[in-house]
Amino acid sequence: MDSLFSGRLKVVFIGGILMLLGCGSSGTSGGTGGSAGRTSGTGGSQTGHTGTGGGSGGAAGAAGQAGPVGSGGVGGAAGVGGHGGKGGVAGAGASNGGSAGGSAGAGNGGVGGSGAAGSTGSAGLSGSTVTATLYNPDLQTILGGPATAVVGAFSPTFPNGLIVGNSAFEINITSNQIIYNPLANLTYGGGTFNGFVFVFANAPTILGVTLDASSNFNPTNISFTGNSVSMNLSADTVATDSVATLDLQLAP
């Protein structure tokens, strides 16, 4: 077999027959070119299809229904002419443009309840009967009295001279105090008891007796029972401006 190269053709003599063949390497390049053409064609097909348009926008939502109108609040009952309850909150408007609910009417004020009558305070010793007796030098010997008065009818309850003793004095009794004022400058005589016993009738029970802070002299001794108070002044020194005030604690 004889062959000749002429440009890109190869001339081959086989058995006296002349054959022309393309160059092997150029043929391979041509094949590649054809493949590329198909690829380009396919691409053109893909590009040529028009994309489907987007769907039409949905229809606008229907307007929502208006919210319900709030009902007015009921006025609360007040102890003393109370304020009426506030009206209910207006209904909220529905979404998508619903109109808002109307304002609620204000509730009417409740009628004020009538208050219970206040309890009457205790009158204490006021209006009770008191009997005062002056003893000296002991509780078996009466020096002055007895004298009886109504507490609160006069002030002082026992003015000077109503109970006769060896010196001047006056005694005032209020709803819860016994106030003793000596009206002389002296020292009382000594003894087991030189002083006064006060006995009450139609009065609250006496629960205790203490010397008030306003006093400027101290009796020798003070004591009490459920219906009486005793004040012993034995050997006490007093002046015209002296005062002894006894505070009485009474049962309700």
Foldseek 3Di string as FASTA:
>chain_A
DDWDDDPQWIWDQDPNDTDIDGHVVVVVVVVVVVVVVVVVVVVVVVVPDDDDDDDDDDDQDDADAEFEAFEQDAFDEAQAQDAGAATGQGGQGDPRHHDYGDHYDYHHHHHHHDDDDDDDDDQAQAQWKKWKFWAPPDPVHTAWDRDMFGAPPDPQRAAWPNTDHPATWTWRDGRFKIKIFGQAFDWAAAHPAGWMKMFIDPGFFWDDKDWDPVFPFAFPDWDAGRGMITTGRGRPGDHRPGMIMMGTDGDD
